[in-house]
Amino acid sequence: MAAVAEAAAGENLLIGLAEQDNYKSITAAAMVHKHNVIARSPLDINICKQLNILISEMGLPLERIVIDPMIGGLGYGIEYAYSIMERARLGALANDKMLSMPMICTVGYEANRAKEANAPEEEFPGWGELHDRAILWETLTATALLQVGASILLMRNPAAVRLVQRNIADLMEANV
C-alpha cells in the first residue's frame, strides 16, 4: 500500500484497508503522501472506536478517516450490520468523535455473495430472473445502508446504481 500511496502522492485518495494488524503502515503512508484512510473493523463498535483512536494517535486527523464497518448483504447479516451502524450514528449524534466519521460500505461485493443474487433460475424458478434478482438484491442492500447512515457505497451493477440514485431523488422530493 505504501507504493500506491507514493505513486498517487497528493491525490487525496482513500487508502486501506487499515485494520488492527496493519494500520500503522497504512496510516503512515497516508500521512506522508496526503491521503485518507479507510479504517476497517468487524461490525464491532468498540473495535471501531479503538482503531480510530489508534490511527488518530499516530497524528492523522479524524476528518481523514472513513469507517468501513464490514457490512453483510441483504439476508446475510444486514440486520446486525444495520443495528451496529445505527448505534455508531447515534453515538456520533451524541458527540462521540470516534464514531463521527463517514462510513463506506462494500455493497456490490456483499450483495453478490448472497445465494439469492447468484442462484440459477433453473434451481429456483420462483425467485424470478437472475439478472433482475441480482440488481434488486444490490439495490435493496444499498438503500437500507443509506438509510442507516452510509456515506459512500461501493457498488458493482450500473442498473442498481441508477435505482439507488432514483431512490435518493425520490427521498429528496418535497412532500406537499
Foldseek 3Di string as FASTA:
>chain_A
DLVVLVVCQPVQEEDDAQEPVRNVVVLVSCVVRVYAYEDEDALDPVRLLVSLVVSVVVPDDLQRYEYEHAAAFVVGHNVSSLVSLLVLVVVVVVVPSSSVYAYEYALAVRLCVDCQLPPCCVVPVVSDHNVVRNLVRSLVRVQSVVVSGHDHYNHDDPSSVVVNVVVVVVVPDDDD
